[in-house]
Amino acid sequence: MKYDPIDPQLFIKNRKNFAAQMQPNSIAVFNSNDIYPISADSTMPFEQHRDIFYLSGIDQEESILLLFPDAPHPKHREVLFLKETSELIAIWEGEKLTKEKAFATSGIKTVYWLQDLEKVFFEIMTQCDTVYVNTNEHYRATIATETREDRFTKWWKEKYPAHSVAKSNPILQRLRSVKDPIEIALIQQACAITEKGFRRVLNFVKPDVWEYNIEAELLHEFINHRSKGFAYTPIIASGANANVLHYIENNKQCKAGDLILMDVAAEYANYASDLTRTIPVSGRYTARQRAVYDAVLEVKNRATEMLVPGTLWAEYHKEVGKLMTSALLGLGLIDTADVQKEDPDWPAYKKYFMHGTSHHLGLDTHDYGILTEPMQANMVFTVEPGIYIPEEGFGIRLEDDVVIQEQGAPLNLMGTIPIEADEIETLMNES
């Protein structure tokens, strides 16, 4: 892995918190992701399933974590099954985890090779009553592929049909949404790497540069600072492309006078950051661009202040809608008649700001969190309002990542990344 070792106390604590919420005499099983094929013998880069990583720190394919807090044999209360390494594997793929290194990473003492899985699993299944299965119940999830987790669940249900089934996901949704200080430090590191990339492109962007040139500059900086690269597919949207919310082609030339909306950020140790900045190709905002920019920034700053313990996600977005309505009225994009006759299910401001303002951030860019429950301290959220004006050929979005504090204003993990229009112009015009 490119990243520095993570303190195993994080994973020890995460397992303890999960086990505390399991039913008596139950087990929970977590599988690594598959390595997905492309064609011929090509595969996509491996990405570890975030749940097994959260609970163990194991970042290797074909790994299984089993938790059995009430196991009669203490050694089976936490178990890892790993692909056995060999000299041949080490030559072709690089060395895999040894049992000793797996313990150093995870804090789990009992490690078996995968060839022992069925024998050990049989013994454990004769001693437990309930099995927690790990299904993806994220509110944005669209699932079209059978995963390694799915296949494992089908296998054990067929072999052991009398066991009860419970769900891991509700427990993980709550646990993963509240971050440990170690996790916040890892997200902060991802934000720091993102800052290096953003400052690099401020000195790089000039008229006639291509969107993919900017993408390449960012990727260089990210990888050069121990990131795998982008935390999500990068958006480098110049001119009217910014009005396509998920524009990812990044293949247009950036023209003088246009803006570039960059929704792009680094990952670090599987933790995501999520940044959006909108900068002028020519190094200066026009008067109209500046007016819209300042309006978006004001909404972002005021929305951030609302992210405090006890806030409800739905009510928060209603309040942000009021802020945006006021901003759009001030810019002349809507009028009072539009507001008076608006559809409550699609308010007038949605014509120019059609997406949500915040989402959980962590091991996933759109991280776990139950949106019907109040916000808590140490949750990490994005704040990302935008105004998109197709008729004027530009869109502006600004985004930072913040940690809810027990008291006071949220902590902005991107507080040192330039966002004020004057500072961006100054940095872009330095010789």
Foldseek 3Di string as FASTA:
>chain_A
DLFDAFQLVQLVVLLVLLVVPDDAQEKEKDFWWDFAADDDPHTDDGATDVVCCSNFVFGDHGKMWMAGCNDPDVLRRIEMEAADFDPVCCVPPNTDDDLVNSCRRNVRNHYHYPVCVVVVVVVSVVRGAEYAQEDDPDPPDDDDDQIPSNVVVVVVCVVPVRHHYHYSVVSCLVSVQFDDPSQVVQLLLQLVLFLVLVLQVLQVFAAFAFQVVSQVSSQVSQVVSSFPGWLDQKAWAKWLRVLVPPDRPRGGTHHAQIKIWIFITTHHSLFHFTWIAIAGRHLAHDPLRLLQLVLQVVLLVVLQQQQAWFDAQVVSQVVSVVSLVVSCCVSVNDHPVQQVPADPVQHSSCVFWVDGFKAWGGSHRRDRHDRRDTHDFRRKMKGKTKGRDSVVGHIGIGIWIWTHHNDDGTHTSNVVRDHNNVVSSVSSPDD
